[in-house]
Amino acid sequence: MLRLTRAPNVIVAQHWLNILATAGVPCELHNRYLSGALGEIPAEQCAPELWLVDERDEKLARRLLADASNGPPPGAQPWHCQHCGETLEAQFTVCWQCGNARDDRDV
């Protein structure tokens, strides 16, 4: 296993975990509940951490997290779900109406 990154809080860590899981990159969230020990344990040891199960996924995982942090490029157009026809903003990769993942053909 390889520690990929520390997150600023559990909410961000869980979001990153979801992004990686959706892409098929197995990872684990460590230190999920240590924020309650902050003060008794040094802050840097309480931060939530993402650990990759397979070190070979590191390059892909880092790219996915960088893409998620940057968001869509300026001027990115909304897309239409091929399954239900819902219109979604560019930053969404899954349709909130039907749960279908965005496809390269969606425009």
PDB file of N, CA and C in Angstrom:
ATOM      1  N   MET A   1       0.838  -1.183   0.000  1.00  0.00           N
ATOM      2  CA  MET A   1       0.000   0.000   0.000  1.00  0.00           C
ATOM      3  C   MET A   1       0.882   1.244   0.000  1.00  0.00           C
ATOM      4  N   LEU A   2       0.312   2.317  -0.552  1.00  0.00           N
ATOM      5  CA  LEU A   2       1.041   3.576  -0.685  1.00  0.00           C
ATOM      6  C   LEU A   2       0.136   4.717  -0.221  1.00  0.00           C
ATOM      7  N   ARG A   3       0.664   5.569   0.679  1.00  0.00           N
ATOM      8  CA  ARG A   3      -0.111   6.749   1.076  1.00  0.00           C
ATOM      9  C   ARG A   3      -0.105   7.723  -0.085  1.00  0.00           C
ATOM     10  N   LEU A   4      -1.289   8.013  -0.592  1.00  0.00           N
ATOM     11  CA  LEU A   4      -1.426   8.908  -1.736  1.00  0.00           C
ATOM     12  C   LEU A   4      -1.389  10.368  -1.293  1.00  0.00           C
ATOM     13  N   THR A   5      -2.197  10.708  -0.292  1.00  0.00           N
ATOM     14  CA  THR A   5      -2.287  12.100   0.132  1.00  0.00           C
ATOM     15  C   THR A   5      -2.982  12.221   1.473  1.00  0.00           C
ATOM     16  N   ARG A   6      -2.820  13.372   2.072  1.00  0.00           N
ATOM     17  CA  ARG A   6      -3.600  13.752   3.254  1.00  0.00           C
ATOM     18  C   ARG A   6      -4.656  14.738   2.788  1.00  0.00           C
ATOM     19  N   ALA A   7      -5.820  14.659   3.392  1.00  0.00           N
ATOM     20  CA  ALA A   7      -6.912  15.577   3.057  1.00  0.00           C
ATOM     21  C   ALA A   7      -7.075  16.605   4.174  1.00  0.00           C
ATOM     22  N   PRO A   8      -7.605  17.785   3.844  1.00  0.00           N
ATOM     23  CA  PRO A   8      -7.793  18.802   4.875  1.00  0.00           C
ATOM     24  C   PRO A   8      -8.873  18.451   5.890  1.00  0.00           C
ATOM     25  N   ASN A   9      -9.826  17.612   5.476  1.00  0.00           N
ATOM     26  CA  ASN A   9     -10.887  17.179   6.389  1.00  0.00           C
ATOM     27  C   ASN A   9     -11.532  15.904   5.845  1.00  0.00           C
ATOM     28  N   VAL A  10     -12.411  15.311   6.634  1.00  0.00           N
ATOM     29  CA  VAL A  10     -13.024  14.031   6.266  1.00  0.00           C
ATOM     30  C   VAL A  10     -13.953  14.179   5.068  1.00  0.00           C
ATOM     31  N   ILE A  11     -14.624  15.311   4.938  1.00  0.00           N
ATOM     32  CA  ILE A  11     -15.546  15.507   3.813  1.00  0.00           C
ATOM     33  C   ILE A  11     -14.785  15.484   2.491  1.00  0.00           C
ATOM     34  N   VAL A  12     -13.689  16.205   2.414  1.00  0.00           N
ATOM     35  CA  VAL A  12     -12.868  16.220   1.196  1.00  0.00           C
ATOM     36  C   VAL A  12     -12.276  14.833   0.956  1.00  0.00           C
ATOM     37  N   ALA A  13     -11.809  14.191   2.010  1.00  0.00           N
ATOM     38  CA  ALA A  13     -11.229  12.849   1.877  1.00  0.00           C
ATOM     39  C   ALA A  13     -12.248  11.870   1.300  1.00  0.00           C
ATOM     40  N   GLN A  14     -13.483  11.919   1.785  1.00  0.00           N
ATOM     41  CA  GLN A  14     -14.519  11.020   1.279  1.00  0.00           C
ATOM     42  C   GLN A  14     -14.848  11.330  -0.176  1.00  0.00           C
ATOM     43  N   HIS A  15     -14.857  12.611  -0.525  1.00  0.00           N
ATOM     44  CA  HIS A  15     -15.102  13.000  -1.922  1.00  0.00           C
ATOM     45  C   HIS A  15     -14.021  12.420  -2.825  1.00  0.00           C
ATOM     46  N   TRP A  16     -12.756  12.576  -2.415  1.00  0.00           N
ATOM     47  CA  TRP A  16     -11.657  12.019  -3.201  1.00  0.00           C
ATOM     48  C   TRP A  16     -11.758  10.500  -3.289  1.00  0.00           C
ATOM     49  N   LEU A  17     -12.120   9.867  -2.185  1.00  0.00           N
ATOM     50  CA  LEU A  17     -12.293   8.414  -2.184  1.00  0.00           C
ATOM     51  C   LEU A  17     -13.357   8.008  -3.204  1.00  0.00           C
ATOM     52  N   ASN A  18     -14.465   8.754  -3.247  1.00  0.00           N
ATOM     53  CA  ASN A  18     -15.537   8.463  -4.207  1.00  0.00           C
ATOM     54  C   ASN A  18     -15.069   8.628  -5.653  1.00  0.00           C
ATOM     55  N   ILE A  19     -14.287   9.668  -5.916  1.00  0.00           N
ATOM     56  CA  ILE A  19     -13.758   9.890  -7.265  1.00  0.00           C
ATOM     57  C   ILE A  19     -12.901   8.706  -7.697  1.00  0.00           C
ATOM     58  N   LEU A  20     -12.009   8.279  -6.815  1.00  0.00           N
ATOM     59  CA  LEU A  20     -11.127   7.160  -7.152  1.00  0.00           C
ATOM     60  C   LEU A  20     -11.908   5.859  -7.301  1.00  0.00           C
ATOM     61  N   ALA A  21     -12.874   5.628  -6.430  1.00  0.00           N
ATOM     62  CA  ALA A  21     -13.680   4.399  -6.510  1.00  0.00           C
ATOM     63  C   ALA A  21     -14.474   4.356  -7.811  1.00  0.00           C
ATOM     64  N   THR A  22     -15.029   5.501  -8.222  1.00  0.00           N
ATOM     65  CA  THR A  22     -15.784   5.563  -9.480  1.00  0.00           C
ATOM     66  C   THR A  22     -14.900   5.225 -10.669  1.00  0.00           C
ATOM     67  N   ALA A  23     -13.622   5.591 -10.594  1.00  0.00           N
ATOM     68  CA  ALA A  23     -12.670   5.300 -11.673  1.00  0.00           C
ATOM     69  C   ALA A  23     -12.084   3.896 -11.559  1.00  0.00           C
ATOM     70  N   GLY A  24     -12.492   3.143 -10.543  1.00  0.00           N
ATOM     71  CA  GLY A  24     -11.986   1.777 -10.388  1.00  0.00           C
ATOM     72  C   GLY A  24     -10.619   1.692  -9.735  1.00  0.00           C
ATOM     73  N   VAL A  25     -10.246   2.734  -8.988  1.00  0.00           N
ATOM     74  CA  VAL A  25      -8.953   2.753  -8.300  1.00  0.00           C
ATOM     75  C   VAL A  25      -9.200   2.407  -6.830  1.00  0.00           C
ATOM     76  N   PRO A  26      -8.854   1.180  -6.402  1.00  0.00           N
ATOM     77  CA  PRO A  26      -9.106   0.804  -5.013  1.00  0.00           C
ATOM     78  C   PRO A  26      -8.196   1.549  -4.043  1.00  0.00           C
ATOM     79  N   CYS A  27      -8.803   2.135  -3.019  1.00  0.00           N
ATOM     80  CA  CYS A  27      -8.038   2.834  -1.994  1.00  0.00           C
ATOM     81  C   CYS A  27      -8.791   2.761  -0.672  1.00  0.00           C
ATOM     82  N   GLU A  28      -8.093   3.147   0.382  1.00  0.00           N
ATOM     83  CA  GLU A  28      -8.669   3.120   1.720  1.00  0.00           C
ATOM     84  C   GLU A  28      -8.530   4.494   2.353  1.00  0.00           C
ATOM     85  N   LEU A  29      -9.499   4.843   3.185  1.00  0.00           N
ATOM     86  CA  LEU A  29      -9.464   6.091   3.932  1.00  0.00           C
ATOM     87  C   LEU A  29      -9.037   5.773   5.354  1.00  0.00           C
ATOM     88  N   HIS A  30      -7.894   6.306   5.765  1.00  0.00           N
ATOM     89  CA  HIS A  30      -7.373   6.103   7.113  1.00  0.00           C
ATOM     90  C   HIS A  30      -7.557   7.379   7.936  1.00  0.00           C
ATOM     91  N   ASN A  31      -7.580   7.241   9.243  1.00  0.00           N
ATOM     92  CA  ASN A  31      -7.708   8.350  10.198  1.00  0.00           C
ATOM     93  C   ASN A  31      -9.050   9.060  10.091  1.00  0.00           C
ATOM     94  N   ARG A  32     -10.064   8.350   9.675  1.00  0.00           N
ATOM     95  CA  ARG A  32     -11.397   8.924   9.495  1.00  0.00           C
ATOM     96  C   ARG A  32     -11.938   9.544  10.792  1.00  0.00           C
ATOM     97  N   TYR A  33     -11.645   8.926  11.922  1.00  0.00           N
ATOM     98  CA  TYR A  33     -12.251   9.367  13.182  1.00  0.00           C
ATOM     99  C   TYR A  33     -11.266  10.024  14.150  1.00  0.00           C
ATOM    100  N   LEU A  34     -10.056  10.319  13.707  1.00  0.00           N
ATOM    101  CA  LEU A  34      -9.058  10.866  14.618  1.00  0.00           C
ATOM    102  C   LEU A  34      -9.216  12.349  14.907  1.00  0.00           C
ATOM    103  N   SER A  35     -10.104  13.050  14.227  1.00  0.00           N
ATOM    104  CA  SER A  35     -10.253  14.486  14.490  1.00  0.00           C
ATOM    105  C   SER A  35     -10.670  14.735  15.942  1.00  0.00           C
ATOM    106  N   GLY A  36     -11.344  13.782  16.562  1.00  0.00           N
ATOM    107  CA  GLY A  36     -11.729  13.916  17.961  1.00  0.00           C
ATOM    108  C   GLY A  36     -10.543  13.872  18.902  1.00  0.00           C
ATOM    109  N   ALA A  37      -9.432  13.358  18.449  1.00  0.00           N
ATOM    110  CA  ALA A  37      -8.230  13.273  19.283  1.00  0.00           C
ATOM    111  C   ALA A  37      -7.298  14.459  19.071  1.00  0.00           C
ATOM    112  N   LEU A  38      -7.704  15.379  18.217  1.00  0.00           N
ATOM    113  CA  LEU A  38      -6.878  16.553  17.933  1.00  0.00           C
ATOM    114  C   LEU A  38      -6.591  17.308  19.221  1.00  0.00           C
ATOM    115  N   GLY A  39      -5.345  17.586  19.474  1.00  0.00           N
ATOM    116  CA  GLY A  39      -4.924  18.221  20.712  1.00  0.00           C
ATOM    117  C   GLY A  39      -4.202  17.229  21.606  1.00  0.00           C
ATOM    118  N   GLU A  40      -4.733  16.017  21.659  1.00  0.00           N
ATOM    119  CA  GLU A  40      -4.066  14.934  22.382  1.00  0.00           C
ATOM    120  C   GLU A  40      -3.007  14.292  21.494  1.00  0.00           C
ATOM    121  N   ILE A  41      -3.305  14.295  20.198  1.00  0.00           N
ATOM    122  CA  ILE A  41      -2.404  13.747  19.177  1.00  0.00           C
ATOM    123  C   ILE A  41      -2.048  14.913  18.253  1.00  0.00           C
ATOM    124  N   PRO A  42      -0.813  15.013  17.792  1.00  0.00           N
ATOM    125  CA  PRO A  42      -0.442  16.107  16.879  1.00  0.00           C
ATOM    126  C   PRO A  42      -1.352  16.172  15.649  1.00  0.00           C
ATOM    127  N   ALA A  43      -1.644  17.394  15.199  1.00  0.00           N
ATOM    128  CA  ALA A  43      -2.576  17.621  14.090  1.00  0.00           C
ATOM    129  C   ALA A  43      -2.210  16.846  12.834  1.00  0.00           C
ATOM    130  N   GLU A  44      -0.917  16.803  12.495  1.00  0.00           N
ATOM    131  CA  GLU A  44      -0.520  16.111  11.255  1.00  0.00           C
ATOM    132  C   GLU A  44      -0.773  14.603  11.328  1.00  0.00           C
ATOM    133  N   GLN A  45      -0.900  14.061  12.524  1.00  0.00           N
ATOM    134  CA  GLN A  45      -1.190  12.633  12.664  1.00  0.00           C
ATOM    135  C   GLN A  45      -2.688  12.349  12.664  1.00  0.00           C
ATOM    136  N   CYS A  46      -3.501  13.396  12.775  1.00  0.00           N
ATOM    137  CA  CYS A  46      -4.954  13.234  12.795  1.00  0.00           C
ATOM    138  C   CYS A  46      -5.597  13.431  11.425  1.00  0.00           C
ATOM    139  N   ALA A  47      -4.858  13.949  10.469  1.00  0.00           N
ATOM    140  CA  ALA A  47      -5.424  14.254   9.151  1.00  0.00           C
ATOM    141  C   ALA A  47      -5.885  12.981   8.445  1.00  0.00           C
ATOM    142  N   PRO A  48      -7.042  13.017   7.781  1.00  0.00           N
ATOM    143  CA  PRO A  48      -7.484  11.866   6.993  1.00  0.00           C
ATOM    144  C   PRO A  48      -6.491  11.604   5.861  1.00  0.00           C
ATOM    145  N   GLU A  49      -6.224  10.341   5.589  1.00  0.00           N
ATOM    146  CA  GLU A  49      -5.261   9.964   4.553  1.00  0.00           C
ATOM    147  C   GLU A  49      -5.892   8.978   3.581  1.00  0.00           C
ATOM    148  N   LEU A  50      -5.551   9.130   2.309  1.00  0.00           N
ATOM    149  CA  LEU A  50      -5.956   8.162   1.290  1.00  0.00           C
ATOM    150  C   LEU A  50      -4.766   7.269   0.970  1.00  0.00           C
ATOM    151  N   TRP A  51      -4.987   5.978   1.057  1.00  0.00           N
ATOM    152  CA  TRP A  51      -3.954   4.987   0.772  1.00  0.00           C
ATOM    153  C   TRP A  51      -4.383   4.143  -0.415  1.00  0.00           C
ATOM    154  N   LEU A  52      -3.507   4.027  -1.405  1.00  0.00           N
ATOM    155  CA  LEU A  52      -3.774   3.187  -2.576  1.00  0.00           C
ATOM    156  C   LEU A  52      -3.515   1.732  -2.229  1.00  0.00           C
ATOM    157  N   VAL A  53      -4.393   0.866  -2.670  1.00  0.00           N
ATOM    158  CA  VAL A  53      -4.207  -0.568  -2.477  1.00  0.00           C
ATOM    159  C   VAL A  53      -3.100  -1.073  -3.393  1.00  0.00           C
ATOM    160  N   ASP A  54      -3.073  -0.563  -4.616  1.00  0.00           N
ATOM    161  CA  ASP A  54      -2.079  -0.979  -5.608  1.00  0.00           C
ATOM    162  C   ASP A  54      -1.253   0.234  -6.032  1.00  0.00           C
ATOM    163  N   GLU A  55       0.023   0.211  -5.730  1.00  0.00           N
ATOM    164  CA  GLU A  55       0.910   1.341  -6.031  1.00  0.00           C
ATOM    165  C   GLU A  55       0.966   1.668  -7.517  1.00  0.00           C
ATOM    166  N   ARG A  56       0.634   0.706  -8.372  1.00  0.00           N
ATOM    167  CA  ARG A  56       0.665   0.951  -9.819  1.00  0.00           C
ATOM    168  C   ARG A  56      -0.414   1.953 -10.254  1.00  0.00           C
ATOM    169  N   ASP A  57      -1.388   2.220  -9.386  1.00  0.00           N
ATOM    170  CA  ASP A  57      -2.455   3.176  -9.697  1.00  0.00           C
ATOM    171  C   ASP A  57      -2.095   4.617  -9.343  1.00  0.00           C
ATOM    172  N   GLU A  58      -0.878   4.838  -8.847  1.00  0.00           N
ATOM    173  CA  GLU A  58      -0.522   6.165  -8.339  1.00  0.00           C
ATOM    174  C   GLU A  58      -0.669   7.263  -9.393  1.00  0.00           C
ATOM    175  N   LYS A  59      -0.133   7.069 -10.574  1.00  0.00           N
ATOM    176  CA  LYS A  59      -0.172   8.116 -11.605  1.00  0.00           C
ATOM    177  C   LYS A  59      -1.615   8.473 -11.957  1.00  0.00           C
ATOM    178  N   LEU A  60      -2.453   7.460 -12.165  1.00  0.00           N
ATOM    179  CA  LEU A  60      -3.861   7.693 -12.493  1.00  0.00           C
ATOM    180  C   LEU A  60      -4.567   8.397 -11.335  1.00  0.00           C
ATOM    181  N   ALA A  61      -4.326   7.944 -10.122  1.00  0.00           N
ATOM    182  CA  ALA A  61      -4.984   8.533  -8.947  1.00  0.00           C
ATOM    183  C   ALA A  61      -4.612  10.000  -8.791  1.00  0.00           C
ATOM    184  N   ARG A  62      -3.349  10.315  -8.954  1.00  0.00           N
ATOM    185  CA  ARG A  62      -2.921  11.714  -8.823  1.00  0.00           C
ATOM    186  C   ARG A  62      -3.537  12.592  -9.917  1.00  0.00           C
ATOM    187  N   ARG A  63      -3.642  12.057 -11.124  1.00  0.00           N
ATOM    188  CA  ARG A  63      -4.272  12.811 -12.212  1.00  0.00           C
ATOM    189  C   ARG A  63      -5.758  13.046 -11.929  1.00  0.00           C
ATOM    190  N   LEU A  64      -6.450  12.012 -11.437  1.00  0.00           N
ATOM    191  CA  LEU A  64      -7.871  12.154 -11.127  1.00  0.00           C
ATOM    192  C   LEU A  64      -8.116  13.201 -10.039  1.00  0.00           C
ATOM    193  N   LEU A  65      -7.280  13.190  -9.009  1.00  0.00           N
ATOM    194  CA  LEU A  65      -7.446  14.166  -7.931  1.00  0.00           C
ATOM    195  C   LEU A  65      -7.099  15.582  -8.403  1.00  0.00           C
ATOM    196  N   ALA A  66      -6.104  15.700  -9.267  1.00  0.00           N
ATOM    197  CA  ALA A  66      -5.762  17.018  -9.815  1.00  0.00           C
ATOM    198  C   ALA A  66      -6.906  17.538 -10.681  1.00  0.00           C
ATOM    199  N   ASP A  67      -7.465  16.674 -11.515  1.00  0.00           N
ATOM    200  CA  ASP A  67      -8.601  17.076 -12.354  1.00  0.00           C
ATOM    201  C   ASP A  67      -9.785  17.504 -11.493  1.00  0.00           C
ATOM    202  N   ALA A  68     -10.035  16.766 -10.423  1.00  0.00           N
ATOM    203  CA  ALA A  68     -11.155  17.089  -9.536  1.00  0.00           C
ATOM    204  C   ALA A  68     -10.916  18.412  -8.822  1.00  0.00           C
ATOM    205  N   SER A  69      -9.692  18.683  -8.475  1.00  0.00           N
ATOM    206  CA  SER A  69      -9.370  19.934  -7.769  1.00  0.00           C
ATOM    207  C   SER A  69      -9.477  21.139  -8.693  1.00  0.00           C
ATOM    208  N   ASN A  70      -9.147  20.952  -9.960  1.00  0.00           N
ATOM    209  CA  ASN A  70      -9.184  22.055 -10.926  1.00  0.00           C
ATOM    210  C   ASN A  70     -10.583  22.319 -11.470  1.00  0.00           C
ATOM    211  N   GLY A  71     -11.429  21.307 -11.489  1.00  0.00           N
ATOM    212  CA  GLY A  71     -12.768  21.467 -12.037  1.00  0.00           C
ATOM    213  C   GLY A  71     -12.740  21.520 -13.556  1.00  0.00           C
ATOM    214  N   PRO A  72     -13.889  21.759 -14.166  1.00  0.00           N
ATOM    215  CA  PRO A  72     -13.942  21.813 -15.626  1.00  0.00           C
ATOM    216  C   PRO A  72     -13.224  23.057 -16.142  1.00  0.00           C
ATOM    217  N   PRO A  73     -12.741  23.016 -17.383  1.00  0.00           N
ATOM    218  CA  PRO A  73     -12.078  24.189 -17.951  1.00  0.00           C
ATOM    219  C   PRO A  73     -13.069  25.348 -18.094  1.00  0.00           C
ATOM    220  N   PRO A  74     -12.581  26.572 -18.081  1.00  0.00           N
ATOM    221  CA  PRO A  74     -13.474  27.724 -18.255  1.00  0.00           C
ATOM    222  C   PRO A  74     -14.259  27.606 -19.565  1.00  0.00           C
ATOM    223  N   GLY A  75     -15.528  27.903 -19.484  1.00  0.00           N
ATOM    224  CA  GLY A  75     -16.372  27.858 -20.670  1.00  0.00           C
ATOM    225  C   GLY A  75     -16.861  26.472 -21.050  1.00  0.00           C
ATOM    226  N   ALA A  76     -16.614  25.467 -20.197  1.00  0.00           N
ATOM    227  CA  ALA A  76     -17.072  24.100 -20.500  1.00  0.00           C
ATOM    228  C   ALA A  76     -18.599  24.090 -20.599  1.00  0.00           C
ATOM    229  N   GLN A  77     -19.087  23.394 -21.591  1.00  0.00           N
ATOM    230  CA  GLN A  77     -20.513  23.365 -21.878  1.00  0.00           C
ATOM    231  C   GLN A  77     -21.246  22.300 -21.057  1.00  0.00           C
ATOM    232  N   PRO A  78     -22.531  22.548 -20.755  1.00  0.00           N
ATOM    233  CA  PRO A  78     -23.341  21.521 -20.108  1.00  0.00           C
ATOM    234  C   PRO A  78     -23.448  20.298 -21.015  1.00  0.00           C
ATOM    235  N   TRP A  79     -23.840  19.172 -20.450  1.00  0.00           N
ATOM    236  CA  TRP A  79     -23.994  17.949 -21.236  1.00  0.00           C
ATOM    237  C   TRP A  79     -25.374  17.347 -20.989  1.00  0.00           C
ATOM    238  N   HIS A  80     -25.800  16.507 -21.919  1.00  0.00           N
ATOM    239  CA  HIS A  80     -27.106  15.852 -21.837  1.00  0.00           C
ATOM    240  C   HIS A  80     -26.899  14.358 -21.639  1.00  0.00           C
ATOM    241  N   CYS A  81     -27.565  13.818 -20.645  1.00  0.00           N
ATOM    242  CA  CYS A  81     -27.463  12.385 -20.348  1.00  0.00           C
ATOM    243  C   CYS A  81     -28.063  11.572 -21.493  1.00  0.00           C
ATOM    244  N   GLN A  82     -27.308  10.608 -21.986  1.00  0.00           N
ATOM    245  CA  GLN A  82     -27.776   9.745 -23.075  1.00  0.00           C
ATOM    246  C   GLN A  82     -28.924   8.844 -22.621  1.00  0.00           C
ATOM    247  N   HIS A  83     -28.992   8.581 -21.327  1.00  0.00           N
ATOM    248  CA  HIS A  83     -29.999   7.646 -20.807  1.00  0.00           C
ATOM    249  C   HIS A  83     -31.358   8.311 -20.595  1.00  0.00           C
ATOM    250  N   CYS A  84     -31.382   9.471 -19.906  1.00  0.00           N
ATOM    251  CA  CYS A  84     -32.676  10.088 -19.569  1.00  0.00           C
ATOM    252  C   CYS A  84     -32.885  11.468 -20.191  1.00  0.00           C
ATOM    253  N   GLY A  85     -31.836  12.051 -20.796  1.00  0.00           N
ATOM    254  CA  GLY A  85     -31.972  13.350 -21.448  1.00  0.00           C
ATOM    255  C   GLY A  85     -31.798  14.553 -20.539  1.00  0.00           C
ATOM    256  N   GLU A  86     -31.509  14.325 -19.256  1.00  0.00           N
ATOM    257  CA  GLU A  86     -31.311  15.433 -18.305  1.00  0.00           C
ATOM    258  C   GLU A  86     -30.128  16.295 -18.752  1.00  0.00           C
ATOM    259  N   THR A  87     -30.230  17.608 -18.555  1.00  0.00           N
ATOM    260  CA  THR A  87     -29.135  18.533 -18.838  1.00  0.00           C
ATOM    261  C   THR A  87     -28.370  18.772 -17.547  1.00  0.00           C
ATOM    262  N   LEU A  88     -27.032  18.610 -17.606  1.00  0.00           N
ATOM    263  CA  LEU A  88     -26.190  18.745 -16.414  1.00  0.00           C
ATOM    264  C   LEU A  88     -25.047  19.707 -16.684  1.00  0.00           C
ATOM    265  N   GLU A  89     -24.602  20.379 -15.640  1.00  0.00           N
ATOM    266  CA  GLU A  89     -23.460  21.277 -15.772  1.00  0.00           C
ATOM    267  C   GLU A  89     -22.191  20.458 -15.969  1.00  0.00           C
ATOM    268  N   ALA A  90     -21.175  21.103 -16.541  1.00  0.00           N
ATOM    269  CA  ALA A  90     -19.959  20.412 -16.971  1.00  0.00           C
ATOM    270  C   ALA A  90     -19.208  19.709 -15.846  1.00  0.00           C
ATOM    271  N   GLN A  91     -19.280  20.221 -14.606  1.00  0.00           N
ATOM    272  CA  GLN A  91     -18.501  19.622 -13.525  1.00  0.00           C
ATOM    273  C   GLN A  91     -19.056  18.277 -13.062  1.00  0.00           C
ATOM    274  N   PHE A  92     -20.282  17.938 -13.434  1.00  0.00           N
ATOM    275  CA  PHE A  92     -20.876  16.674 -13.011  1.00  0.00           C
ATOM    276  C   PHE A  92     -20.495  15.550 -13.961  1.00  0.00           C
ATOM    277  N   THR A  93     -20.107  14.411 -13.392  1.00  0.00           N
ATOM    278  CA  THR A  93     -19.716  13.259 -14.208  1.00  0.00           C
ATOM    279  C   THR A  93     -20.753  12.148 -14.163  1.00  0.00           C
ATOM    280  N   VAL A  94     -21.757  12.320 -13.300  1.00  0.00           N
ATOM    281  CA  VAL A  94     -22.835  11.336 -13.176  1.00  0.00           C
ATOM    282  C   VAL A  94     -24.149  12.102 -13.181  1.00  0.00           C
ATOM    283  N   CYS A  95     -25.128  11.574 -13.883  1.00  0.00           N
ATOM    284  CA  CYS A  95     -26.446  12.208 -13.964  1.00  0.00           C
ATOM    285  C   CYS A  95     -27.167  12.104 -12.621  1.00  0.00           C
ATOM    286  N   TRP A  96     -27.646  13.240 -12.095  1.00  0.00           N
ATOM    287  CA  TRP A  96     -28.350  13.210 -10.811  1.00  0.00           C
ATOM    288  C   TRP A  96     -29.766  12.678 -10.961  1.00  0.00           C
ATOM    289  N   GLN A  97     -30.270  12.624 -12.171  1.00  0.00           N
ATOM    290  CA  GLN A  97     -31.624  12.131 -12.408  1.00  0.00           C
ATOM    291  C   GLN A  97     -31.685  10.600 -12.413  1.00  0.00           C
ATOM    292  N   CYS A  98     -30.735   9.973 -13.142  1.00  0.00           N
ATOM    293  CA  CYS A  98     -30.810   8.513 -13.302  1.00  0.00           C
ATOM    294  C   CYS A  98     -29.563   7.771 -12.818  1.00  0.00           C
ATOM    295  N   GLY A  99     -28.491   8.503 -12.488  1.00  0.00           N
ATOM    296  CA  GLY A  99     -27.275   7.852 -11.989  1.00  0.00           C
ATOM    297  C   GLY A  99     -26.360   7.333 -13.079  1.00  0.00           C
ATOM    298  N   ASN A 100     -26.686   7.606 -14.340  1.00  0.00           N
ATOM    299  CA  ASN A 100     -25.866   7.149 -15.454  1.00  0.00           C
ATOM    300  C   ASN A 100     -24.572   7.979 -15.534  1.00  0.00           C
ATOM    301  N   ALA A 101     -23.439   7.311 -15.739  1.00  0.00           N
ATOM    302  CA  ALA A 101     -22.157   8.014 -15.852  1.00  0.00           C
ATOM    303  C   ALA A 101     -22.071   8.755 -17.185  1.00  0.00           C
ATOM    304  N   ARG A 102     -21.389   9.900 -17.166  1.00  0.00           N
ATOM    305  CA  ARG A 102     -21.182  10.686 -18.384  1.00  0.00           C
ATOM    306  C   ARG A 102     -20.396   9.874 -19.387  1.00  0.00           C
ATOM    307  N   ASP A 103     -20.762   9.989 -20.626  1.00  0.00           N
ATOM    308  CA  ASP A 103     -20.123   9.272 -21.726  1.00  0.00           C
ATOM    309  C   ASP A 103     -19.483  10.297 -22.633  1.00  0.00           C
ATOM    310  N   ASP A 104     -18.430   9.924 -23.337  1.00  0.00           N
ATOM    311  CA  ASP A 104     -17.769  10.857 -24.266  1.00  0.00           C
ATOM    312  C   ASP A 104     -18.728  11.364 -25.335  1.00  0.00           C
ATOM    313  N   ARG A 105     -19.792  10.597 -25.599  1.00  0.00           N
ATOM    314  CA  ARG A 105     -20.763  11.003 -26.629  1.00  0.00           C
ATOM    315  C   ARG A 105     -21.742  12.038 -26.111  1.00  0.00           C
ATOM    316  N   ASP A 106     -21.812  12.244 -24.774  1.00  0.00           N
ATOM    317  CA  ASP A 106     -22.756  13.203 -24.214  1.00  0.00           C
ATOM    318  C   ASP A 106     -22.304  14.632 -24.546  1.00  0.00           C
ATOM    319  N   VAL A 107     -23.225  15.405 -25.089  1.00  0.00           N
ATOM    320  CA  VAL A 107     -22.930  16.790 -25.453  1.00  0.00           C
ATOM    321  C   VAL A 107     -24.066  17.689 -25.033  1.00  0.00           C
TER     322      VAL A 107
END
